[in-house]
Amino acid sequence: MARRIHRYLKKLTNNPDPYQEVKLQQMTLALKLAEEFRAKIKHSPWPFGWAARLAIGANVIDSGINVDISETAVRHTLQLALEEDLIGDLVELEREVQSANEVLYLADNAGEIVFDRLLIERIKPAKVTVVVRGAPILNDATIKEAQMAGLHEIATTHFQRRRRTRHIVRRSFPRT
């Protein structure tokens, strides 16, 4: 349904990316907040866990389901993500990704991808593959947002066209 609506909006507005301005605002906000929370991660007792919690909390940056994406609302949600109990086992998640040879990371929205980077920086298997949309749809992250998030700065990236709607960003780390 979302694709049909998005296709209609593109045609109606004659704009290949009707959410471009919204995504730019979300990316700008996320980049600003990420620097603040990066310091918290660095000085936290468990950097991986905090980065994972922030990546989860950053799901609030989704115009498809959330109306209030103000700085105050996002900051509040990110802080709650650090403080509240979670369903699931982040210790087990860390153990699994740190022992894996390869991790597939599916990115979702613009803005959110900035916080995904904070988590991806803490995953050190031989290879992490990040998948983003190959073409604009709603506020989903594309190669453009992956680059704005700086994924190309943390490792060598290879952008490959896959099917019609996805790109893959691959990053490799030497095993230590």
N, C-alpha and C. Protein backbone atom coordinates (compact mmCIF):
# COMPACT_ATOMS: atom_id res chain seq x y z
N MET A 1 0.81 -1.18 0.00
CA MET A 1 0.00 0.00 0.00
C MET A 1 0.87 1.26 0.00
N ALA A 2 1.93 1.25 0.85
CA ALA A 2 2.81 2.42 0.94
C ALA A 2 3.45 2.73 -0.41
N ARG A 3 3.83 1.68 -1.13
CA ARG A 3 4.44 1.90 -2.45
C ARG A 3 3.45 2.55 -3.41
N ARG A 4 2.21 2.10 -3.36
CA ARG A 4 1.20 2.68 -4.25
C ARG A 4 0.99 4.16 -3.92
N ILE A 5 0.90 4.46 -2.64
CA ILE A 5 0.72 5.86 -2.22
C ILE A 5 1.92 6.69 -2.64
N HIS A 6 3.11 6.14 -2.41
CA HIS A 6 4.34 6.87 -2.75
C HIS A 6 4.42 7.11 -4.27
N ARG A 7 4.08 6.09 -5.04
CA ARG A 7 4.08 6.23 -6.50
C ARG A 7 3.12 7.34 -6.93
N TYR A 8 1.96 7.37 -6.30
CA TYR A 8 0.96 8.40 -6.60
C TYR A 8 1.50 9.79 -6.25
N LEU A 9 2.14 9.92 -5.08
CA LEU A 9 2.72 11.20 -4.67
C LEU A 9 3.80 11.66 -5.64
N LYS A 10 4.65 10.74 -6.07
CA LYS A 10 5.70 11.08 -7.03
C LYS A 10 5.09 11.65 -8.31
N LYS A 11 4.05 10.96 -8.77
CA LYS A 11 3.40 11.38 -10.02
C LYS A 11 2.69 12.72 -9.83
N LEU A 12 1.97 12.86 -8.73
CA LEU A 12 1.21 14.07 -8.45
C LEU A 12 2.11 15.29 -8.32
N THR A 13 3.24 15.12 -7.65
CA THR A 13 4.15 16.25 -7.39
C THR A 13 5.23 16.39 -8.45
N ASN A 14 5.35 15.39 -9.32
CA ASN A 14 6.43 15.36 -10.30
C ASN A 14 7.79 15.45 -9.60
N ASN A 15 7.89 14.76 -8.48
CA ASN A 15 9.10 14.78 -7.66
C ASN A 15 9.49 13.33 -7.36
N PRO A 16 10.70 12.89 -7.76
CA PRO A 16 11.10 11.50 -7.53
C PRO A 16 11.28 11.15 -6.05
N ASP A 17 11.41 12.17 -5.20
CA ASP A 17 11.58 11.93 -3.76
C ASP A 17 10.78 12.95 -2.95
N PRO A 18 9.47 12.76 -2.84
CA PRO A 18 8.63 13.74 -2.14
C PRO A 18 9.00 13.93 -0.67
N TYR A 19 9.68 12.97 -0.08
CA TYR A 19 10.06 13.07 1.33
C TYR A 19 11.49 13.60 1.51
N GLN A 20 12.10 14.08 0.46
CA GLN A 20 13.51 14.51 0.50
C GLN A 20 13.75 15.54 1.60
N GLU A 21 12.91 16.54 1.71
CA GLU A 21 13.09 17.58 2.73
C GLU A 21 12.89 17.02 4.13
N VAL A 22 11.91 16.14 4.29
CA VAL A 22 11.65 15.50 5.58
C VAL A 22 12.86 14.67 5.99
N LYS A 23 13.40 13.90 5.04
CA LYS A 23 14.57 13.06 5.34
C LYS A 23 15.77 13.92 5.71
N LEU A 24 15.96 15.03 5.02
CA LEU A 24 17.08 15.93 5.35
C LEU A 24 16.93 16.47 6.77
N GLN A 25 15.72 16.87 7.14
CA GLN A 25 15.48 17.36 8.51
C GLN A 25 15.75 16.26 9.53
N GLN A 26 15.31 15.03 9.24
CA GLN A 26 15.53 13.92 10.16
C GLN A 26 17.02 13.58 10.27
N MET A 27 17.72 13.62 9.16
CA MET A 27 19.16 13.34 9.18
C MET A 27 19.90 14.42 9.97
N THR A 28 19.55 15.68 9.76
CA THR A 28 20.19 16.79 10.47
C THR A 28 19.97 16.65 11.97
N LEU A 29 18.75 16.35 12.37
CA LEU A 29 18.45 16.16 13.79
C LEU A 29 19.23 14.98 14.36
N ALA A 30 19.22 13.86 13.65
CA ALA A 30 19.91 12.67 14.13
C ALA A 30 21.42 12.89 14.23
N LEU A 31 22.01 13.55 13.26
CA LEU A 31 23.45 13.82 13.31
C LEU A 31 23.80 14.70 14.51
N LYS A 32 22.95 15.66 14.81
CA LYS A 32 23.17 16.53 15.97
C LYS A 32 23.09 15.72 17.27
N LEU A 33 22.03 14.93 17.41
CA LEU A 33 21.84 14.16 18.64
C LEU A 33 22.87 13.04 18.78
N ALA A 34 23.29 12.47 17.66
CA ALA A 34 24.23 11.35 17.71
C ALA A 34 25.55 11.75 18.35
N GLU A 35 26.01 12.96 18.09
CA GLU A 35 27.26 13.41 18.71
C GLU A 35 27.13 13.46 20.23
N GLU A 36 26.00 13.93 20.70
CA GLU A 36 25.74 13.97 22.14
C GLU A 36 25.71 12.56 22.73
N PHE A 37 25.01 11.65 22.06
CA PHE A 37 24.88 10.29 22.58
C PHE A 37 26.13 9.46 22.33
N ARG A 38 26.94 9.80 21.34
CA ARG A 38 28.21 9.10 21.10
C ARG A 38 29.10 9.21 22.34
N ALA A 39 29.13 10.38 22.95
CA ALA A 39 29.93 10.58 24.17
C ALA A 39 29.39 9.72 25.30
N LYS A 40 28.07 9.61 25.40
CA LYS A 40 27.48 8.76 26.44
C LYS A 40 27.85 7.30 26.23
N ILE A 41 27.84 6.87 24.98
CA ILE A 41 28.23 5.48 24.67
C ILE A 41 29.68 5.25 25.07
N LYS A 42 30.54 6.18 24.68
CA LYS A 42 31.98 6.04 24.94
C LYS A 42 32.27 5.89 26.43
N HIS A 43 31.53 6.62 27.26
CA HIS A 43 31.79 6.60 28.70
C HIS A 43 30.85 5.66 29.45
N SER A 44 30.08 4.89 28.73
CA SER A 44 29.13 3.98 29.38
C SER A 44 29.85 2.73 29.87
N PRO A 45 29.25 2.02 30.80
CA PRO A 45 29.85 0.77 31.26
C PRO A 45 29.78 -0.35 30.22
N TRP A 46 28.90 -0.20 29.22
CA TRP A 46 28.72 -1.24 28.21
C TRP A 46 28.40 -0.60 26.87
N PRO A 47 29.41 -0.17 26.11
CA PRO A 47 29.20 0.55 24.85
C PRO A 47 28.31 -0.18 23.84
N PHE A 48 28.49 -1.49 23.68
CA PHE A 48 27.65 -2.21 22.72
C PHE A 48 26.18 -2.15 23.12
N GLY A 49 25.90 -2.41 24.38
CA GLY A 49 24.51 -2.39 24.86
C GLY A 49 23.86 -1.03 24.71
N TRP A 50 24.61 0.01 25.03
CA TRP A 50 24.05 1.36 24.91
C TRP A 50 23.81 1.72 23.45
N ALA A 51 24.75 1.35 22.58
CA ALA A 51 24.58 1.63 21.14
C ALA A 51 23.37 0.87 20.59
N ALA A 52 23.19 -0.37 21.03
CA ALA A 52 22.04 -1.16 20.58
C ALA A 52 20.74 -0.53 21.06
N ARG A 53 20.71 -0.09 22.31
CA ARG A 53 19.51 0.55 22.85
C ARG A 53 19.18 1.84 22.09
N LEU A 54 20.20 2.61 21.74
CA LEU A 54 19.96 3.85 20.98
C LEU A 54 19.47 3.55 19.57
N ALA A 55 20.01 2.50 18.95
CA ALA A 55 19.54 2.12 17.61
C ALA A 55 18.07 1.70 17.67
N ILE A 56 17.70 1.03 18.75
CA ILE A 56 16.29 0.65 18.94
C ILE A 56 15.44 1.90 19.16
N GLY A 57 15.88 2.77 20.04
CA GLY A 57 15.13 3.99 20.34
C GLY A 57 14.97 4.90 19.14
N ALA A 58 15.97 4.89 18.26
CA ALA A 58 15.93 5.77 17.08
C ALA A 58 14.84 5.37 16.09
N ASN A 59 14.21 4.23 16.31
CA ASN A 59 13.07 3.85 15.46
C ASN A 59 11.94 4.84 15.55
N VAL A 60 11.96 5.71 16.55
CA VAL A 60 10.95 6.76 16.68
C VAL A 60 11.02 7.75 15.51
N ILE A 61 12.18 7.80 14.84
CA ILE A 61 12.36 8.72 13.71
C ILE A 61 11.77 8.07 12.46
N ASP A 62 10.46 7.99 12.43
CA ASP A 62 9.76 7.35 11.32
C ASP A 62 8.47 8.11 11.05
N SER A 63 8.48 8.91 9.99
CA SER A 63 7.28 9.71 9.69
C SER A 63 6.10 8.85 9.27
N GLY A 64 6.34 7.60 8.94
CA GLY A 64 5.24 6.72 8.57
C GLY A 64 4.37 6.35 9.75
N ILE A 65 4.94 6.37 10.96
CA ILE A 65 4.17 5.97 12.14
C ILE A 65 4.15 7.00 13.25
N ASN A 66 4.98 8.03 13.14
CA ASN A 66 5.11 8.99 14.24
C ASN A 66 4.93 10.42 13.73
N VAL A 67 4.08 11.16 14.39
CA VAL A 67 3.82 12.54 13.99
C VAL A 67 4.82 13.50 14.62
N ASP A 68 5.17 13.27 15.89
CA ASP A 68 6.06 14.18 16.62
C ASP A 68 7.50 13.70 16.54
N ILE A 69 8.24 14.26 15.60
CA ILE A 69 9.66 13.92 15.47
C ILE A 69 10.46 15.18 15.79
N SER A 70 10.10 15.81 16.88
CA SER A 70 10.82 17.01 17.32
C SER A 70 12.08 16.58 18.07
N GLU A 71 13.00 17.50 18.21
CA GLU A 71 14.24 17.21 18.94
C GLU A 71 13.92 16.76 20.36
N THR A 72 12.99 17.44 21.01
CA THR A 72 12.63 17.09 22.38
C THR A 72 12.08 15.67 22.47
N ALA A 73 11.17 15.32 21.56
CA ALA A 73 10.56 13.99 21.58
C ALA A 73 11.59 12.90 21.30
N VAL A 74 12.46 13.12 20.32
CA VAL A 74 13.46 12.12 19.97
C VAL A 74 14.47 11.97 21.11
N ARG A 75 14.95 13.07 21.66
CA ARG A 75 15.89 13.02 22.78
C ARG A 75 15.27 12.24 23.95
N HIS A 76 14.01 12.53 24.26
CA HIS A 76 13.32 11.86 25.36
C HIS A 76 13.25 10.35 25.10
N THR A 77 12.88 9.96 23.89
CA THR A 77 12.78 8.54 23.56
C THR A 77 14.14 7.85 23.63
N LEU A 78 15.18 8.51 23.15
CA LEU A 78 16.53 7.93 23.22
C LEU A 78 16.97 7.75 24.66
N GLN A 79 16.66 8.73 25.50
CA GLN A 79 17.01 8.61 26.92
C GLN A 79 16.25 7.46 27.57
N LEU A 80 14.97 7.33 27.23
CA LEU A 80 14.17 6.20 27.75
C LEU A 80 14.76 4.87 27.30
N ALA A 81 15.23 4.81 26.06
CA ALA A 81 15.82 3.57 25.55
C ALA A 81 17.03 3.15 26.37
N LEU A 82 17.75 4.11 26.93
CA LEU A 82 18.91 3.79 27.78
C LEU A 82 18.49 3.35 29.18
N GLU A 83 17.31 3.76 29.62
CA GLU A 83 16.91 3.55 31.01
C GLU A 83 15.92 2.41 31.21
N GLU A 84 15.04 2.18 30.26
CA GLU A 84 13.95 1.21 30.44
C GLU A 84 14.42 -0.22 30.19
N ASP A 85 13.68 -1.17 30.77
CA ASP A 85 13.94 -2.58 30.50
C ASP A 85 13.57 -2.90 29.06
N LEU A 86 14.31 -3.82 28.47
CA LEU A 86 14.04 -4.24 27.10
C LEU A 86 13.58 -5.69 27.08
N ILE A 87 12.80 -6.01 26.08
CA ILE A 87 12.46 -7.40 25.84
C ILE A 87 13.56 -7.93 24.92
N GLY A 88 14.18 -9.01 25.30
CA GLY A 88 15.26 -9.55 24.50
C GLY A 88 16.55 -9.56 25.29
N ASP A 89 17.56 -10.16 24.72
CA ASP A 89 18.82 -10.35 25.41
C ASP A 89 19.95 -9.71 24.62
N LEU A 90 20.34 -8.50 25.02
CA LEU A 90 21.42 -7.80 24.31
C LEU A 90 22.77 -8.46 24.54
N VAL A 91 22.94 -9.11 25.68
CA VAL A 91 24.19 -9.83 25.95
C VAL A 91 24.36 -10.94 24.92
N GLU A 92 23.29 -11.68 24.69
CA GLU A 92 23.32 -12.76 23.69
C GLU A 92 23.50 -12.19 22.28
N LEU A 93 22.84 -11.08 21.98
CA LEU A 93 23.01 -10.44 20.68
C LEU A 93 24.47 -10.06 20.46
N GLU A 94 25.08 -9.45 21.46
CA GLU A 94 26.49 -9.06 21.33
C GLU A 94 27.37 -10.29 21.11
N ARG A 95 27.12 -11.33 21.88
CA ARG A 95 27.92 -12.55 21.75
C ARG A 95 27.79 -13.12 20.33
N GLU A 96 26.57 -13.15 19.82
CA GLU A 96 26.34 -13.70 18.48
C GLU A 96 27.01 -12.87 17.38
N VAL A 97 26.83 -11.55 17.41
CA VAL A 97 27.40 -10.74 16.33
C VAL A 97 28.92 -10.65 16.42
N GLN A 98 29.46 -10.69 17.64
CA GLN A 98 30.92 -10.60 17.77
C GLN A 98 31.60 -11.90 17.35
N SER A 99 30.87 -13.01 17.37
CA SER A 99 31.47 -14.28 16.96
C SER A 99 31.12 -14.65 15.51
N ALA A 100 30.28 -13.85 14.88
CA ALA A 100 29.86 -14.15 13.51
C ALA A 100 30.94 -13.76 12.50
N ASN A 101 30.97 -14.45 11.39
CA ASN A 101 31.86 -14.08 10.29
C ASN A 101 31.24 -12.99 9.44
N GLU A 102 29.91 -12.95 9.45
CA GLU A 102 29.20 -12.00 8.61
C GLU A 102 27.89 -11.60 9.30
N VAL A 103 27.55 -10.31 9.21
CA VAL A 103 26.31 -9.79 9.78
C VAL A 103 25.58 -9.03 8.69
N LEU A 104 24.29 -9.30 8.53
CA LEU A 104 23.44 -8.56 7.61
C LEU A 104 22.62 -7.58 8.43
N TYR A 105 22.77 -6.28 8.15
CA TYR A 105 22.10 -5.23 8.91
C TYR A 105 21.14 -4.52 7.97
N LEU A 106 19.85 -4.62 8.25
CA LEU A 106 18.83 -3.99 7.41
C LEU A 106 18.49 -2.62 7.97
N ALA A 107 18.88 -1.59 7.25
CA ALA A 107 18.59 -0.21 7.68
C ALA A 107 17.15 0.12 7.33
N ASP A 108 16.56 1.01 8.10
CA ASP A 108 15.16 1.34 7.89
C ASP A 108 14.99 2.79 7.44
N ASN A 109 15.02 3.72 8.35
CA ASN A 109 14.63 5.10 8.04
C ASN A 109 15.80 6.08 8.07
N ALA A 110 15.58 7.20 7.37
CA ALA A 110 16.51 8.32 7.46
C ALA A 110 16.51 8.79 8.91
N GLY A 111 17.61 9.24 9.39
CA GLY A 111 17.72 9.65 10.79
C GLY A 111 18.09 8.46 11.64
N GLU A 112 17.26 7.46 11.61
CA GLU A 112 17.53 6.24 12.37
C GLU A 112 18.87 5.63 11.96
N ILE A 113 19.23 5.72 10.68
CA ILE A 113 20.46 5.12 10.17
C ILE A 113 21.71 5.72 10.84
N VAL A 114 21.61 6.95 11.32
CA VAL A 114 22.73 7.58 12.03
C VAL A 114 23.01 6.82 13.32
N PHE A 115 21.96 6.42 14.01
CA PHE A 115 22.12 5.66 15.25
C PHE A 115 22.47 4.20 14.96
N ASP A 116 22.04 3.69 13.80
CA ASP A 116 22.48 2.36 13.38
C ASP A 116 24.00 2.35 13.26
N ARG A 117 24.56 3.44 12.74
CA ARG A 117 26.02 3.52 12.60
C ARG A 117 26.71 3.37 13.95
N LEU A 118 26.15 3.99 14.99
CA LEU A 118 26.76 3.88 16.32
C LEU A 118 26.84 2.43 16.77
N LEU A 119 25.84 1.64 16.40
CA LEU A 119 25.87 0.21 16.73
C LEU A 119 26.81 -0.54 15.79
N ILE A 120 26.72 -0.26 14.50
CA ILE A 120 27.56 -0.95 13.52
C ILE A 120 29.04 -0.77 13.84
N GLU A 121 29.41 0.40 14.36
CA GLU A 121 30.81 0.65 14.74
C GLU A 121 31.29 -0.32 15.81
N ARG A 122 30.37 -0.91 16.56
CA ARG A 122 30.73 -1.80 17.65
C ARG A 122 30.61 -3.27 17.28
N ILE A 123 30.27 -3.55 16.05
CA ILE A 123 30.21 -4.93 15.56
C ILE A 123 31.51 -5.19 14.81
N LYS A 124 32.28 -6.15 15.27
CA LYS A 124 33.59 -6.37 14.66
C LYS A 124 33.77 -7.78 14.09
N PRO A 125 32.81 -8.28 13.32
CA PRO A 125 33.09 -9.53 12.62
C PRO A 125 33.89 -9.22 11.35
N ALA A 126 34.16 -10.24 10.58
CA ALA A 126 34.91 -10.04 9.34
C ALA A 126 34.17 -9.13 8.38
N LYS A 127 32.82 -9.21 8.37
CA LYS A 127 32.09 -8.45 7.37
C LYS A 127 30.71 -8.05 7.90
N VAL A 128 30.34 -6.77 7.71
CA VAL A 128 28.99 -6.29 8.00
C VAL A 128 28.42 -5.78 6.69
N THR A 129 27.26 -6.24 6.33
CA THR A 129 26.58 -5.78 5.12
C THR A 129 25.35 -5.01 5.56
N VAL A 130 25.27 -3.75 5.15
CA VAL A 130 24.13 -2.89 5.47
C VAL A 130 23.29 -2.74 4.21
N VAL A 131 22.00 -3.01 4.34
CA VAL A 131 21.10 -2.92 3.20
C VAL A 131 20.20 -1.70 3.37
N VAL A 132 20.14 -0.88 2.33
CA VAL A 132 19.26 0.30 2.31
C VAL A 132 18.43 0.26 1.03
N ARG A 133 17.42 1.09 0.97
CA ARG A 133 16.58 1.16 -0.24
C ARG A 133 17.41 1.62 -1.43
N GLY A 134 17.10 1.07 -2.59
CA GLY A 134 17.78 1.46 -3.82
C GLY A 134 17.14 2.66 -4.48
N ALA A 135 15.94 3.00 -4.06
CA ALA A 135 15.23 4.16 -4.61
C ALA A 135 14.39 4.77 -3.49
N PRO A 136 14.15 6.07 -3.55
CA PRO A 136 13.38 6.73 -2.48
C PRO A 136 11.96 6.18 -2.36
N ILE A 137 11.57 5.90 -1.13
CA ILE A 137 10.18 5.57 -0.81
C ILE A 137 9.94 6.01 0.63
N LEU A 138 8.94 6.84 0.82
CA LEU A 138 8.64 7.44 2.12
C LEU A 138 9.92 8.02 2.71
N ASN A 139 10.18 7.76 4.01
CA ASN A 139 11.41 8.31 4.60
C ASN A 139 12.45 7.21 4.81
N ASP A 140 12.37 6.14 4.02
CA ASP A 140 13.35 5.06 4.13
C ASP A 140 14.74 5.54 3.72
N ALA A 141 15.74 4.99 4.37
CA ALA A 141 17.13 5.34 4.08
C ALA A 141 17.55 4.77 2.72
N THR A 142 18.27 5.58 1.96
CA THR A 142 18.84 5.17 0.68
C THR A 142 20.36 5.34 0.78
N ILE A 143 21.04 5.10 -0.32
CA ILE A 143 22.50 5.30 -0.35
C ILE A 143 22.85 6.72 0.11
N LYS A 144 22.07 7.68 -0.30
CA LYS A 144 22.33 9.08 0.07
C LYS A 144 22.37 9.24 1.59
N GLU A 145 21.39 8.68 2.29
CA GLU A 145 21.37 8.80 3.75
C GLU A 145 22.47 7.95 4.39
N ALA A 146 22.79 6.81 3.80
CA ALA A 146 23.89 5.98 4.31
C ALA A 146 25.20 6.78 4.27
N GLN A 147 25.40 7.51 3.19
CA GLN A 147 26.60 8.33 3.07
C GLN A 147 26.56 9.51 4.04
N MET A 148 25.38 10.14 4.18
CA MET A 148 25.26 11.25 5.15
C MET A 148 25.54 10.76 6.57
N ALA A 149 25.17 9.51 6.86
CA ALA A 149 25.41 8.93 8.18
C ALA A 149 26.89 8.59 8.37
N GLY A 150 27.64 8.64 7.28
CA GLY A 150 29.08 8.40 7.36
C GLY A 150 29.47 6.94 7.31
N LEU A 151 28.60 6.08 6.80
CA LEU A 151 28.97 4.66 6.72
C LEU A 151 30.20 4.45 5.85
N HIS A 152 30.39 5.32 4.86
CA HIS A 152 31.56 5.20 3.99
C HIS A 152 32.85 5.61 4.72
N GLU A 153 32.74 6.27 5.86
CA GLU A 153 33.92 6.71 6.62
C GLU A 153 34.47 5.63 7.54
N ILE A 154 33.65 4.69 7.92
CA ILE A 154 34.09 3.71 8.92
C ILE A 154 34.66 2.46 8.30
N ALA A 155 34.59 2.35 6.99
CA ALA A 155 35.19 1.21 6.30
C ALA A 155 35.05 1.41 4.80
N THR A 156 35.74 0.55 4.08
CA THR A 156 35.57 0.56 2.64
C THR A 156 34.15 0.11 2.34
N THR A 157 33.49 0.83 1.47
CA THR A 157 32.13 0.46 1.13
C THR A 157 32.04 0.13 -0.35
N HIS A 158 31.18 -0.80 -0.64
CA HIS A 158 30.91 -1.19 -2.02
C HIS A 158 29.41 -1.05 -2.22
N PHE A 159 29.01 -0.21 -3.15
CA PHE A 159 27.59 -0.02 -3.43
C PHE A 159 27.23 -0.89 -4.62
N GLN A 160 26.32 -1.81 -4.42
CA GLN A 160 25.93 -2.71 -5.48
C GLN A 160 24.42 -2.64 -5.66
N ARG A 161 23.99 -2.57 -6.89
CA ARG A 161 22.55 -2.57 -7.18
C ARG A 161 22.04 -4.00 -7.04
N ARG A 162 21.03 -4.17 -6.24
CA ARG A 162 20.41 -5.48 -6.05
C ARG A 162 18.93 -5.35 -6.33
N ARG A 163 18.44 -6.11 -7.24
CA ARG A 163 17.03 -6.05 -7.63
C ARG A 163 16.66 -4.63 -7.99
N ARG A 164 15.45 -4.23 -7.68
CA ARG A 164 15.03 -2.88 -8.04
C ARG A 164 14.98 -1.94 -6.85
N THR A 165 14.95 -2.47 -5.64
CA THR A 165 14.64 -1.58 -4.51
C THR A 165 15.70 -1.54 -3.42
N ARG A 166 16.78 -2.25 -3.53
CA ARG A 166 17.76 -2.28 -2.44
C ARG A 166 19.17 -2.02 -2.95
N HIS A 167 19.96 -1.41 -2.11
CA HIS A 167 21.40 -1.31 -2.32
C HIS A 167 22.06 -2.00 -1.14
N ILE A 168 23.26 -2.44 -1.34
CA ILE A 168 24.01 -3.07 -0.27
C ILE A 168 25.26 -2.25 -0.02
N VAL A 169 25.50 -1.96 1.24
CA VAL A 169 26.72 -1.29 1.66
C VAL A 169 27.49 -2.33 2.46
N ARG A 170 28.66 -2.70 2.01
CA ARG A 170 29.41 -3.74 2.69
C ARG A 170 30.63 -3.13 3.34
N ARG A 171 30.92 -3.59 4.54
CA ARG A 171 32.09 -3.08 5.23
C ARG A 171 32.85 -4.28 5.78
N SER A 172 34.15 -4.23 5.70
CA SER A 172 34.97 -5.34 6.18
C SER A 172 35.95 -4.85 7.23
N PHE A 173 36.15 -5.68 8.24
CA PHE A 173 37.13 -5.42 9.29
C PHE A 173 38.11 -6.57 9.30
N PRO A 174 39.38 -6.30 9.55
CA PRO A 174 40.30 -7.42 9.75
C PRO A 174 39.97 -8.09 11.07
N ARG A 175 40.04 -9.38 11.12
CA ARG A 175 39.82 -10.12 12.37
C ARG A 175 41.01 -9.88 13.28
N THR A 176 40.74 -9.69 14.57
CA THR A 176 41.84 -9.50 15.53
C THR A 176 41.88 -10.63 16.51
